[in-house]
Amino acid sequence: MPSIRNSVDRLAAWLAGRSYVTLRFTVHQRLAPIVEPLIERLLPFDDDGETYRCSISQWTLNERPVLHTHRGIISTLRVDGPLQNAGGTCLPLGGLIEAPHVTAHLDPIAARRLDSRLQDAIDEVIQNWIVEHGLYDQPRQRREIDRPGADREAKRIIAAWVSDTTADTSRAASREGADHV
C-alpha cells in the first residue's frame, strides 16, 4: 500500500519538523524512463519546478485526463480523453466549456468539432503572425535554445518593456495632471 506508506512518511516528516519526505512508488519498467524525468522536473524549488507544477495542477481536479485546454481571456474549452477510435477517426470522450455565466458539457462529437475549429483558428493566427513578422524570410532556427543565454536575454527584454511601460504610464499621468490644471 504505497499511498498509506507515503502518507505515514509525510506525517512523520511533519512531526519531526523536516521539510522533505520520502515517497515510494512502483512503476512498470517500460514507464520508468518516461516517468523519472517528469518527476525530476517537478521537484526543484525554483521557477522551473513551480512552472511545471502549475502546468499540471489541474490534473487532479478533472475526472478524465485532459487532451487539450484552449484558454482565452475569459473562456476555456477543455477536451477530455482518452481518445476513442471511432471507425478510423479519433474522438475525445467529451469536453467542457467554461465562460462567464456558462458551464457546458460537450458530447464527443461536439467536443471534437469545437476543438478542430479552435485548432484551425490557432493555425490561422500563427500563420498570419509569421507573415506579418517576415519569419518565412529568415533562416529556420533550431528548436533547442541556449537556456542561460536565452533566459538572460528574455529577462533583459522584459525589464526594458517594464521600464518603457512605466515611463509611458508616468508620461500619461503627468499629461492628465496638466490637462486638469
Protein backbone atom coordinates (compact mmCIF):
# COMPACT_ATOMS: atom_id res chain seq x y z
CA MET A 1 0.00 0.00 0.00
CA PRO A 2 2.29 2.77 -1.25
CA SER A 3 -0.26 5.55 -0.64
CA ILE A 4 -0.59 4.66 3.05
CA ARG A 5 3.20 4.39 3.38
CA ASN A 6 3.59 7.78 1.66
CA SER A 7 1.02 9.35 3.99
CA VAL A 8 2.78 7.91 7.03
CA ASP A 9 6.12 9.24 5.73
CA ARG A 10 4.60 12.70 5.25
CA LEU A 11 3.09 12.70 8.74
CA ALA A 12 6.37 11.52 10.29
CA ALA A 13 8.30 14.24 8.44
CA TRP A 14 5.80 16.88 9.60
CA LEU A 15 6.01 15.72 13.21
CA ALA A 16 9.82 15.68 13.03
CA GLY A 17 9.91 19.19 11.56
CA ARG A 18 11.58 18.06 8.35
CA SER A 19 10.69 19.80 5.12
CA TYR A 20 11.45 16.81 2.90
CA VAL A 21 9.66 13.48 2.75
CA THR A 22 10.48 10.22 1.04
CA LEU A 23 7.93 8.98 -1.45
CA ARG A 24 7.98 5.36 -2.53
CA PHE A 25 6.14 4.03 -5.51
CA THR A 26 6.45 1.27 -8.02
CA VAL A 27 6.24 1.85 -11.74
CA HIS A 28 6.28 -0.56 -14.68
CA GLN A 29 9.78 -0.88 -16.13
CA ARG A 30 8.63 0.42 -19.53
CA LEU A 31 7.26 3.60 -17.93
CA ALA A 32 10.23 4.32 -15.67
CA PRO A 33 12.34 6.10 -18.35
CA ILE A 34 9.37 8.36 -19.12
CA VAL A 35 8.18 9.00 -15.56
CA GLU A 36 11.53 9.63 -13.89
CA PRO A 37 12.47 12.77 -15.89
CA LEU A 38 8.96 14.15 -15.39
CA ILE A 39 9.17 13.72 -11.63
CA GLU A 40 12.68 15.18 -11.55
CA ARG A 41 11.40 18.32 -13.32
CA LEU A 42 8.52 18.72 -10.86
CA LEU A 43 10.64 18.58 -7.71
CA PRO A 44 13.03 21.57 -7.75
CA PHE A 45 12.09 24.59 -5.62
CA ASP A 46 12.85 27.07 -8.38
CA ASP A 47 10.97 28.90 -11.11
CA ASP A 48 11.12 25.94 -13.48
CA GLY A 49 9.79 23.49 -10.89
CA GLU A 50 7.00 25.89 -9.98
CA THR A 51 6.07 26.32 -13.64
CA TYR A 52 5.96 22.57 -14.25
CA ARG A 53 3.85 22.04 -11.11
CA CYS A 54 1.43 24.81 -12.12
CA SER A 55 1.11 23.42 -15.64
CA ILE A 56 -0.27 20.12 -14.32
CA SER A 57 -2.01 21.33 -11.17
CA GLN A 58 -5.47 20.92 -12.72
CA TRP A 59 -4.82 17.22 -13.43
CA THR A 60 -6.15 16.24 -10.02
CA LEU A 61 -9.26 18.39 -10.45
CA ASN A 62 -10.62 16.64 -13.53
CA GLU A 63 -12.37 13.30 -13.67
CA ARG A 64 -10.84 12.46 -17.05
CA PRO A 65 -7.36 13.07 -18.45
CA VAL A 66 -7.24 16.31 -20.42
CA LEU A 67 -6.17 16.14 -24.07
CA HIS A 68 -6.25 19.88 -24.78
CA THR A 69 -7.09 23.04 -22.91
CA HIS A 70 -7.78 26.08 -25.05
CA ARG A 71 -7.76 29.20 -22.86
CA GLY A 72 -8.93 32.62 -23.84
CA ILE A 73 -9.05 35.64 -21.57
CA ILE A 74 -12.48 34.74 -20.18
CA SER A 75 -13.40 31.42 -21.78
CA THR A 76 -11.92 27.94 -21.71
CA LEU A 77 -12.51 24.72 -23.62
CA ARG A 78 -11.24 21.53 -22.03
CA VAL A 79 -11.19 18.44 -24.28
CA ASP A 80 -11.28 15.18 -22.33
CA GLY A 81 -9.64 11.88 -23.20
CA PRO A 82 -8.63 9.29 -23.61
CA LEU A 83 -9.20 9.33 -27.37
CA GLN A 84 -11.51 6.67 -28.73
CA ASN A 85 -11.15 5.05 -32.14
CA ALA A 86 -14.42 5.58 -33.99
CA GLY A 87 -14.03 3.88 -37.34
CA GLY A 88 -10.69 5.47 -38.21
CA THR A 89 -11.49 8.79 -36.55
CA CYS A 90 -10.31 9.57 -33.05
CA LEU A 91 -12.90 11.17 -30.81
CA PRO A 92 -12.46 12.55 -27.29
CA LEU A 93 -14.82 11.33 -24.60
CA GLY A 94 -16.22 14.84 -24.22
CA GLY A 95 -15.39 18.38 -23.32
CA LEU A 96 -16.21 21.25 -21.03
CA ILE A 97 -16.84 24.89 -21.88
CA GLU A 98 -16.39 27.42 -19.10
CA ALA A 99 -17.23 31.06 -19.79
CA PRO A 100 -18.93 33.84 -17.85
CA HIS A 101 -22.37 32.57 -16.85
CA VAL A 102 -21.83 29.31 -18.82
CA THR A 103 -20.64 25.86 -17.91
CA ALA A 104 -21.46 23.30 -20.58
CA HIS A 105 -20.50 19.66 -21.01
CA LEU A 106 -19.94 18.62 -24.62
CA ASP A 107 -20.54 15.22 -26.13
CA PRO A 108 -17.68 13.56 -28.06
CA ILE A 109 -18.70 14.89 -31.47
CA ALA A 110 -19.33 18.47 -30.33
CA ALA A 111 -16.04 18.45 -28.40
CA ARG A 112 -14.14 17.28 -31.49
CA ARG A 113 -15.81 19.86 -33.73
CA LEU A 114 -15.12 22.80 -31.41
CA ASP A 115 -11.56 21.56 -30.75
CA SER A 116 -10.95 21.38 -34.52
CA ARG A 117 -12.32 24.90 -35.03
CA LEU A 118 -10.07 26.27 -32.31
CA GLN A 119 -7.03 24.45 -33.70
CA ASP A 120 -7.80 25.88 -37.16
CA ALA A 121 -8.13 29.38 -35.67
CA ILE A 122 -4.82 28.98 -33.83
CA ASP A 123 -3.09 27.84 -37.02
CA GLU A 124 -4.52 30.83 -38.90
CA VAL A 125 -3.39 33.33 -36.26
CA ILE A 126 0.10 31.78 -36.15
CA GLN A 127 0.40 31.81 -39.95
CA ASN A 128 -0.69 35.47 -40.01
CA TRP A 129 1.93 36.28 -37.34
CA ILE A 130 4.61 34.52 -39.38
CA VAL A 131 3.72 36.58 -42.47
CA GLU A 132 3.40 39.88 -40.54
CA HIS A 133 6.85 39.40 -38.99
CA GLY A 134 8.56 38.07 -42.11
CA LEU A 135 9.56 34.81 -40.46
CA TYR A 136 9.44 32.90 -43.76
CA ASP A 137 12.26 35.16 -44.97
CA GLN A 138 14.50 34.28 -42.02
CA PRO A 139 16.60 31.13 -41.72
CA ARG A 140 14.90 28.34 -39.84
CA GLN A 141 16.10 28.13 -36.25
CA ARG A 142 16.87 25.03 -34.27
CA ARG A 143 14.23 24.01 -31.74
CA GLU A 144 16.77 23.87 -28.89
CA ILE A 145 17.79 27.04 -27.10
CA ASP A 146 20.85 28.06 -25.14
CA ARG A 147 18.93 28.26 -21.89
CA PRO A 148 21.25 30.53 -19.84
CA GLY A 149 21.80 32.99 -22.69
CA ALA A 150 18.21 32.94 -23.90
CA ASP A 151 16.83 33.42 -20.38
CA ARG A 152 19.21 36.33 -19.73
CA GLU A 153 18.15 37.99 -23.00
CA ALA A 154 14.44 37.40 -22.30
CA LYS A 155 14.75 38.96 -18.84
CA ARG A 156 16.59 41.95 -20.33
CA ILE A 157 13.74 42.44 -22.85
CA ILE A 158 11.14 42.14 -20.09
CA ALA A 159 12.96 44.69 -17.91
CA ALA A 160 13.15 47.12 -20.86
CA TRP A 161 9.45 46.60 -21.57
CA VAL A 162 8.54 47.25 -17.93
CA SER A 163 10.71 50.36 -17.94
CA ASP A 164 9.07 51.64 -21.14
CA THR A 165 5.58 50.81 -19.86
CA THR A 166 6.26 52.56 -16.55
CA ALA A 167 7.66 55.58 -18.36
CA ASP A 168 4.64 55.68 -20.71
CA THR A 169 2.29 55.47 -17.73
CA SER A 170 4.16 58.25 -15.92
CA ARG A 171 4.06 60.47 -19.03
CA ALA A 172 0.35 59.80 -19.50
CA ALA A 173 -0.33 60.55 -15.83
CA SER A 174 1.62 63.80 -15.96
CA ARG A 175 -0.25 64.79 -19.15
CA GLU A 176 -3.57 64.08 -17.47
CA GLY A 177 -2.47 66.16 -14.48
CA ALA A 178 -1.57 69.03 -16.80
CA ASP A 179 -4.92 68.75 -18.57
CA HIS A 180 -6.80 69.09 -15.29
CA VAL A 181 -4.91 72.19 -14.18
